[in-house]
Amino acid sequence: MNAKPSAVARADDPLPQAILAALGTAATPLARPFVEHFFSRIGSEDRSAHAADAWSGMMRGLLDFVRVRKAGTPNLRVFNPLQDADGYESAHTVIDIMTDDMPFLVDSVGIAVTQAGLNLYLVAHPVYSVERDAGGNVLAFAAEGGKGKTESLMHFEIDRITDPADRARLEQSVRSALDDVAQCYRDWPAMREKMLGIADALASSKLPVDAAGVAEAQEFLRWAAAEHFTFLGYREYRVGQSGGEEVLQAVAGSGLGILRGSERSVAPRSLKSLAARDLPQSGAIDAIILTKTNARSSVHRPGYMDYIGVIEFDARGVPVAERRFLGLFTSSAYARRPWEIPLVRHKFEAVMNR
């Protein structure tokens, strides 16, 4: 956990050389770059977690584990290593993952582990450039930046889980976290463009807001999109009727990121959940909802997700739709002084005036 990885593999590094020698006939041309780059990312403290023969068994198993992978699909296993089956033993349960490289992978798997009430003891995360054939078979490994597609290998050692059912539940949680990361990463540009497009369109929208308020709302959305908001999900809602009550209904096909598929709650929501109906305010804040959700993020950071809602109004000034962004404000956003942030500065000024 406290590894200080070196930038590149050292040809004279004794541990990977000893492992390659122990692998013998298994030390194919694939094994050398795989093993050497793996240990270029492992510091001395973490190397002491296992004896050389245990590392050798682990490397043999990892080579088999990553050798074939279907495009776009993570390889994932959660298991308790056994000498006969895996070539080494450990007091810990192991999570191994090979997947397309993208941001937030290690953090998000860590969230799944922590939420299961488990501790992390070792994390190895080498990133490879991998060439594969059409069937997903490895043709060549290289350090990140080489020829091929960039893939992340993650090896976690956690509290030992003896119950197979508990291991299966953790595996499903990790797989869900990886799916969420992939959806957010894939749809990130589209969500950002949605926010910028909404900002541009506000000038011609029907809003119960004066020109200064519109400009403030536009500035806030552009500020958030400028690397001050980590986009996790987007969805559109419109007012409809259900059971004689006005409700907010999700617009089919509008979801992106973690809201692309089925939202956690897909039932129509009472219009009371449209914050603009219950929060009479002034200026641009009438058109923009800023709040926290009651759901924790499964991606990047485990805190409650931030919610940015942009309200649409009809000609009478009645809210008729909402465009909802879920995500996390970035550390750079929290580092800003409140009077530097659009919308927030008006709340700050109101408090200070009082």
Protein backbone atom coordinates (compact mmCIF):
# COMPACT_ATOMS: atom_id res chain seq x y z
CA MET A 1 0.00 0.00 0.00
CA ASN A 2 2.96 2.31 0.54
CA ALA A 3 4.80 1.32 -2.62
CA LYS A 4 7.08 3.83 -4.30
CA PRO A 5 7.11 2.48 -7.85
CA SER A 6 10.02 3.06 -10.14
CA ALA A 7 9.35 4.67 -13.50
CA VAL A 8 10.74 1.80 -15.57
CA ALA A 9 11.77 -1.80 -15.00
CA ARG A 10 15.41 -2.44 -14.09
CA ALA A 11 17.13 -5.21 -15.99
CA ASP A 12 19.19 -6.02 -12.88
CA ASP A 13 16.21 -6.19 -10.51
CA PRO A 14 16.76 -9.54 -8.76
CA LEU A 15 13.15 -10.40 -7.88
CA PRO A 16 11.65 -10.45 -11.39
CA GLN A 17 14.75 -12.20 -12.69
CA ALA A 18 14.39 -14.88 -10.00
CA ILE A 19 10.70 -15.27 -10.87
CA LEU A 20 11.45 -15.63 -14.58
CA ALA A 21 14.06 -18.27 -13.76
CA ALA A 22 11.54 -20.12 -11.57
CA LEU A 23 8.92 -20.01 -14.33
CA GLY A 24 11.34 -21.87 -16.59
CA THR A 25 9.56 -23.00 -19.73
CA ALA A 26 6.65 -20.75 -18.79
CA ALA A 27 8.96 -17.73 -19.19
CA THR A 28 7.91 -17.17 -22.77
CA PRO A 29 8.58 -13.88 -24.59
CA LEU A 30 5.26 -12.75 -23.09
CA ALA A 31 6.39 -13.41 -19.53
CA ARG A 32 9.49 -11.20 -19.42
CA PRO A 33 7.85 -7.82 -20.21
CA PHE A 34 4.81 -8.80 -18.13
CA VAL A 35 6.79 -9.68 -15.01
CA GLU A 36 9.38 -6.92 -15.28
CA HIS A 37 6.79 -4.18 -15.72
CA PHE A 38 4.65 -5.59 -12.88
CA PHE A 39 7.55 -5.25 -10.45
CA SER A 40 8.51 -1.80 -11.72
CA ARG A 41 5.26 -0.77 -9.98
CA ILE A 42 5.88 -2.62 -6.70
CA GLY A 43 7.88 -0.95 -3.93
CA SER A 44 10.09 -2.69 -1.40
CA GLU A 45 7.50 -2.73 1.40
CA ASP A 46 4.93 -4.54 -0.74
CA ARG A 47 7.53 -6.93 -2.17
CA SER A 48 8.09 -8.22 1.34
CA ALA A 49 4.46 -9.34 1.51
CA HIS A 50 5.39 -12.59 -0.26
CA ALA A 51 8.41 -14.85 -0.64
CA ALA A 52 9.93 -15.20 -4.11
CA ASP A 53 8.34 -18.60 -4.69
CA ALA A 54 4.90 -17.20 -3.83
CA TRP A 55 5.43 -14.29 -6.23
CA SER A 56 6.42 -16.85 -8.88
CA GLY A 57 3.17 -18.77 -8.41
CA MET A 58 1.20 -15.56 -8.50
CA MET A 59 2.86 -14.42 -11.75
CA ARG A 60 2.20 -17.78 -13.38
CA GLY A 61 -1.48 -17.51 -12.44
CA LEU A 62 -1.76 -13.88 -13.52
CA LEU A 63 -0.25 -14.68 -16.92
CA ASP A 64 -2.91 -17.34 -17.44
CA PHE A 65 -5.60 -14.98 -16.13
CA VAL A 66 -4.83 -12.15 -18.59
CA ARG A 67 -3.89 -14.28 -21.59
CA VAL A 68 -7.40 -14.12 -23.11
CA ARG A 69 -9.90 -11.29 -22.67
CA LYS A 70 -13.01 -10.43 -24.64
CA ALA A 71 -12.89 -6.87 -25.97
CA GLY A 72 -14.68 -4.43 -23.69
CA THR A 73 -15.25 -7.02 -20.95
CA PRO A 74 -13.21 -7.10 -17.72
CA ASN A 75 -11.55 -10.28 -16.53
CA LEU A 76 -12.41 -10.55 -12.82
CA ARG A 77 -11.90 -13.14 -10.11
CA VAL A 78 -12.21 -13.12 -6.31
CA PHE A 79 -10.56 -16.15 -4.68
CA ASN A 80 -8.52 -17.54 -1.81
CA PRO A 81 -5.21 -18.76 -3.30
CA LEU A 82 -4.30 -22.40 -2.69
CA GLN A 83 -0.88 -23.88 -3.32
CA ASP A 84 -2.10 -26.82 -5.39
CA ALA A 85 -4.55 -24.82 -7.51
CA ASP A 86 -2.85 -21.43 -7.74
CA GLY A 87 0.83 -21.98 -7.04
CA TYR A 88 0.84 -19.96 -3.83
CA GLU A 89 -1.06 -19.45 -0.60
CA SER A 90 -2.11 -16.27 1.13
CA ALA A 91 -3.75 -15.28 4.39
CA HIS A 92 -5.83 -12.85 2.33
CA THR A 93 -8.55 -13.02 -0.28
CA VAL A 94 -7.37 -11.81 -3.70
CA ILE A 95 -9.17 -9.72 -6.31
CA ASP A 96 -7.61 -9.81 -9.78
CA ILE A 97 -8.87 -7.60 -12.61
CA MET A 98 -7.74 -6.98 -16.19
CA THR A 99 -9.67 -4.35 -18.09
CA ASP A 100 -9.43 -1.40 -20.46
CA ASP A 101 -7.55 1.41 -18.76
CA MET A 102 -9.63 4.38 -17.63
CA PRO A 103 -9.74 6.83 -14.71
CA PHE A 104 -10.98 5.94 -11.21
CA LEU A 105 -10.59 2.15 -11.47
CA VAL A 106 -8.57 1.54 -8.31
CA ASP A 107 -10.55 4.08 -6.28
CA SER A 108 -13.85 2.55 -7.35
CA VAL A 109 -12.84 -1.03 -6.56
CA GLY A 110 -11.59 0.27 -3.22
CA ILE A 111 -15.05 1.74 -2.54
CA ALA A 112 -16.67 -1.67 -3.16
CA VAL A 113 -14.19 -3.34 -0.80
CA THR A 114 -14.63 -0.73 1.94
CA GLN A 115 -18.42 -0.80 1.68
CA ALA A 116 -18.23 -4.56 2.27
CA GLY A 117 -16.47 -3.79 5.58
CA LEU A 118 -13.11 -5.16 4.39
CA ASN A 119 -9.56 -3.86 4.63
CA LEU A 120 -6.99 -3.52 1.84
CA TYR A 121 -3.48 -4.83 2.46
CA LEU A 122 -1.81 -4.70 -0.94
CA VAL A 123 -2.65 -3.04 -4.24
CA ALA A 124 -0.65 -3.56 -7.44
CA HIS A 125 -1.73 -1.61 -10.51
CA PRO A 126 0.58 -1.91 -13.51
CA VAL A 127 -0.75 -0.47 -16.78
CA TYR A 128 0.29 -2.31 -19.95
CA SER A 129 0.15 -1.74 -23.66
CA VAL A 130 -1.30 -5.02 -24.94
CA GLU A 131 -1.62 -6.38 -28.46
CA ARG A 132 -4.37 -8.99 -28.88
CA ASP A 133 -5.73 -10.90 -31.86
CA ALA A 134 -9.39 -10.87 -32.92
CA GLY A 135 -10.15 -13.60 -30.38
CA GLY A 136 -8.72 -11.59 -27.48
CA ASN A 137 -5.52 -13.67 -27.18
CA VAL A 138 -2.42 -11.76 -26.09
CA LEU A 139 0.22 -11.34 -28.77
CA ALA A 140 2.55 -9.00 -26.91
CA PHE A 141 2.95 -7.04 -23.66
CA ALA A 142 4.79 -3.76 -23.23
CA ALA A 143 4.98 -1.04 -20.61
CA GLU A 144 2.34 1.67 -20.91
CA GLY A 145 3.03 3.83 -23.96
CA GLY A 146 4.10 0.95 -26.18
CA LYS A 147 2.32 -0.60 -29.13
CA GLY A 148 -1.20 -1.88 -28.51
CA LYS A 149 -4.24 -0.97 -26.42
CA THR A 150 -3.79 0.30 -22.87
CA GLU A 151 -5.05 -2.14 -20.22
CA SER A 152 -5.03 -1.99 -16.43
CA LEU A 153 -4.08 -4.98 -14.32
CA MET A 154 -5.23 -4.69 -10.71
CA HIS A 155 -4.24 -7.07 -7.92
CA PHE A 156 -5.82 -6.46 -4.50
CA GLU A 157 -5.22 -8.41 -1.30
CA ILE A 158 -7.96 -7.91 1.29
CA ASP A 159 -9.33 -9.46 4.49
CA ARG A 160 -9.85 -13.17 4.01
CA ILE A 161 -13.41 -14.14 3.08
CA THR A 162 -14.11 -17.77 3.95
CA ASP A 163 -17.74 -17.98 2.82
CA PRO A 164 -18.01 -18.58 -0.96
CA ALA A 165 -21.35 -16.73 -0.99
CA ASP A 166 -19.71 -13.65 0.51
CA ARG A 167 -16.95 -13.81 -2.11
CA ALA A 168 -19.59 -14.04 -4.84
CA ARG A 169 -21.39 -10.99 -3.44
CA LEU A 170 -18.16 -9.01 -3.37
CA GLU A 171 -17.36 -10.06 -6.92
CA GLN A 172 -20.75 -8.78 -8.05
CA SER A 173 -20.18 -5.48 -6.23
CA VAL A 174 -16.79 -5.05 -7.88
CA ARG A 175 -18.24 -5.92 -11.29
CA SER A 176 -20.99 -3.32 -10.79
CA ALA A 177 -18.36 -0.73 -9.84
CA LEU A 178 -16.36 -1.52 -12.98
CA ASP A 179 -19.53 -1.22 -15.08
CA ASP A 180 -20.29 2.17 -13.52
CA VAL A 181 -16.75 3.41 -14.21
CA ALA A 182 -16.98 2.26 -17.83
CA GLN A 183 -20.36 3.93 -18.35
CA CYS A 184 -19.15 7.21 -16.86
CA TYR A 185 -15.93 7.14 -18.86
CA ARG A 186 -17.71 6.32 -22.12
CA ASP A 187 -20.38 9.01 -21.68
CA TRP A 188 -18.24 11.69 -20.03
CA PRO A 189 -17.79 13.77 -23.24
CA ALA A 190 -21.50 13.53 -24.06
CA MET A 191 -22.52 14.63 -20.54
CA ARG A 192 -20.15 17.57 -20.66
CA GLU A 193 -21.47 18.59 -24.07
CA LYS A 194 -25.03 18.32 -22.71
CA MET A 195 -24.18 20.78 -19.94
CA LEU A 196 -22.51 23.22 -22.32
CA GLY A 197 -25.40 22.92 -24.79
CA ILE A 198 -27.93 23.62 -22.04
CA ALA A 199 -25.89 26.66 -20.97
CA ASP A 200 -25.95 28.01 -24.53
CA ALA A 201 -29.70 27.35 -24.88
CA LEU A 202 -30.67 29.17 -21.67
CA ALA A 203 -30.46 32.53 -23.44
CA SER A 204 -33.44 31.59 -25.64
CA SER A 205 -35.37 29.54 -23.05
CA LYS A 206 -38.55 30.61 -21.27
CA LEU A 207 -37.28 31.38 -17.77
CA PRO A 208 -38.82 33.42 -14.95
CA VAL A 209 -35.41 35.03 -14.60
CA ASP A 210 -34.01 38.38 -15.68
CA ALA A 211 -31.07 38.69 -18.09
CA ALA A 212 -28.56 38.90 -15.25
CA GLY A 213 -29.97 35.72 -13.75
CA VAL A 214 -29.74 33.89 -17.06
CA ALA A 215 -26.13 34.97 -17.45
CA GLU A 216 -25.34 33.76 -13.92
CA ALA A 217 -26.91 30.36 -14.61
CA GLN A 218 -24.97 30.07 -17.87
CA GLU A 219 -21.74 31.00 -16.16
CA PHE A 220 -22.28 28.40 -13.44
CA LEU A 221 -22.90 25.57 -15.92
CA ARG A 222 -19.84 26.52 -17.95
CA TRP A 223 -17.79 26.75 -14.76
CA ALA A 224 -18.93 23.28 -13.66
CA ALA A 225 -18.11 21.81 -17.09
CA ALA A 226 -14.61 23.33 -16.97
CA GLU A 227 -13.18 20.47 -14.87
CA HIS A 228 -15.02 21.48 -11.70
CA PHE A 229 -17.54 18.61 -11.87
CA THR A 230 -16.95 14.89 -12.33
CA PHE A 231 -19.85 13.71 -14.47
CA LEU A 232 -21.37 10.40 -13.37
CA GLY A 233 -24.89 10.48 -14.79
CA TYR A 234 -27.42 12.51 -16.78
CA ARG A 235 -31.12 12.09 -17.42
CA GLU A 236 -34.10 14.16 -18.53
CA TYR A 237 -37.51 14.24 -16.85
CA ARG A 238 -40.85 15.68 -17.96
CA VAL A 239 -44.06 16.35 -16.09
CA GLY A 240 -46.80 13.82 -16.81
CA GLN A 241 -49.89 12.34 -15.23
CA SER A 242 -50.03 9.15 -13.20
CA GLY A 243 -52.92 8.14 -10.96
CA GLY A 244 -54.42 11.59 -11.12
CA GLU A 245 -51.22 13.20 -9.88
CA GLU A 246 -48.60 15.23 -11.68
CA VAL A 247 -45.35 13.29 -11.69
CA LEU A 248 -41.85 13.61 -13.05
CA GLN A 249 -41.25 10.82 -15.56
CA ALA A 250 -37.88 9.88 -17.00
CA VAL A 251 -37.58 10.52 -20.72
CA ALA A 252 -36.78 7.19 -22.41
CA GLY A 253 -33.37 7.08 -24.04
CA SER A 254 -32.12 10.28 -22.39
CA GLY A 255 -29.89 8.62 -19.80
CA LEU A 256 -26.09 8.77 -19.87
CA GLY A 257 -23.43 7.39 -17.53
CA ILE A 258 -24.84 5.58 -14.51
CA LEU A 259 -28.33 6.75 -15.57
CA ARG A 260 -28.06 5.28 -19.07
CA GLY A 261 -29.88 2.10 -18.12
CA SER A 262 -32.36 1.64 -15.32
CA GLU A 263 -32.14 4.31 -12.68
CA ARG A 264 -32.02 3.09 -9.08
CA SER A 265 -35.67 4.14 -8.81
CA VAL A 266 -37.52 4.01 -12.12
CA ALA A 267 -41.08 4.63 -10.87
CA PRO A 268 -42.58 8.01 -11.82
CA ARG A 269 -41.80 10.61 -9.15
CA SER A 270 -44.34 12.94 -7.64
CA LEU A 271 -43.92 16.47 -8.87
CA LYS A 272 -43.13 17.31 -5.25
CA SER A 273 -39.66 15.92 -5.99
CA LEU A 274 -39.06 18.77 -8.43
CA ALA A 275 -37.21 21.08 -6.08
CA ALA A 276 -38.18 24.23 -7.98
CA ARG A 277 -41.80 23.72 -6.86
CA ASP A 278 -40.85 23.80 -3.19
CA LEU A 279 -37.89 26.17 -3.10
CA PRO A 280 -39.05 29.66 -4.09
CA GLN A 281 -35.85 31.63 -4.47
CA SER A 282 -34.69 34.48 -6.66
CA GLY A 283 -32.70 35.06 -9.80
CA ALA A 284 -30.83 32.24 -11.56
CA ILE A 285 -31.33 29.85 -8.66
CA ASP A 286 -34.96 29.47 -9.76
CA ALA A 287 -33.65 27.65 -12.83
CA ILE A 288 -30.78 25.70 -11.24
CA ILE A 289 -31.04 23.18 -8.40
CA LEU A 290 -27.83 22.50 -6.44
CA THR A 291 -28.05 19.84 -3.77
CA LYS A 292 -26.79 16.46 -2.55
CA THR A 293 -28.44 13.16 -3.37
CA ASN A 294 -29.14 10.47 -0.78
CA ALA A 295 -27.07 7.97 -2.81
CA ARG A 296 -23.36 7.43 -2.42
CA SER A 297 -21.09 7.33 -5.43
CA SER A 298 -19.67 3.99 -6.54
CA VAL A 299 -17.07 5.81 -8.68
CA HIS A 300 -13.95 7.74 -7.62
CA ARG A 301 -15.09 8.91 -4.15
CA PRO A 302 -17.58 7.25 -1.77
CA GLY A 303 -19.38 10.45 -0.72
CA TYR A 304 -22.96 11.41 -1.48
CA MET A 305 -23.31 12.47 -5.10
CA ASP A 306 -23.85 16.08 -6.07
CA TYR A 307 -26.94 16.98 -8.05
CA ILE A 308 -27.29 19.78 -10.60
CA GLY A 309 -30.80 20.16 -11.97
CA VAL A 310 -31.75 22.57 -14.74
CA ILE A 311 -35.46 23.40 -14.78
CA GLU A 312 -37.52 24.09 -17.91
CA PHE A 313 -40.59 26.34 -17.66
CA ASP A 314 -43.65 26.87 -19.79
CA ALA A 315 -44.89 30.29 -20.94
CA ARG A 316 -46.63 30.79 -17.57
CA GLY A 317 -43.43 30.20 -15.65
CA VAL A 318 -44.52 26.76 -14.42
CA PRO A 319 -41.80 24.05 -14.23
CA VAL A 320 -42.48 21.36 -16.84
CA ALA A 321 -39.19 19.46 -17.09
CA GLU A 322 -35.83 18.91 -15.47
CA ARG A 323 -32.43 18.00 -16.88
CA ARG A 324 -30.49 16.28 -14.12
CA PHE A 325 -26.75 15.80 -13.73
CA LEU A 326 -25.28 13.53 -11.04
CA GLY A 327 -21.62 13.64 -10.14
CA LEU A 328 -19.03 14.98 -7.74
CA PHE A 329 -17.62 18.45 -7.52
CA THR A 330 -13.85 18.20 -7.99
CA SER A 331 -11.19 19.13 -5.47
CA SER A 332 -10.45 22.24 -7.53
CA ALA A 333 -14.08 23.33 -7.04
CA TYR A 334 -13.82 22.94 -3.27
CA ALA A 335 -10.57 24.89 -3.30
CA ARG A 336 -12.27 27.95 -4.78
CA ARG A 337 -13.45 30.75 -2.51
CA PRO A 338 -17.27 30.99 -2.38
CA TRP A 339 -17.38 34.47 -3.90
CA GLU A 340 -15.53 33.12 -6.95
CA ILE A 341 -18.19 30.51 -7.82
CA PRO A 342 -21.23 31.52 -9.92
CA LEU A 343 -24.57 31.14 -8.07
CA VAL A 344 -22.78 30.25 -4.83
CA ARG A 345 -21.46 33.81 -4.59
CA HIS A 346 -25.02 35.16 -4.38
CA LYS A 347 -25.84 32.86 -1.46
CA PHE A 348 -22.57 33.89 0.18
CA GLU A 349 -23.39 37.58 -0.28
CA ALA A 350 -26.90 37.07 1.16
CA VAL A 351 -25.50 35.36 4.24
CA MET A 352 -22.87 38.01 4.77
CA ASN A 353 -25.43 40.81 4.36
CA ARG A 354 -27.61 39.20 7.03
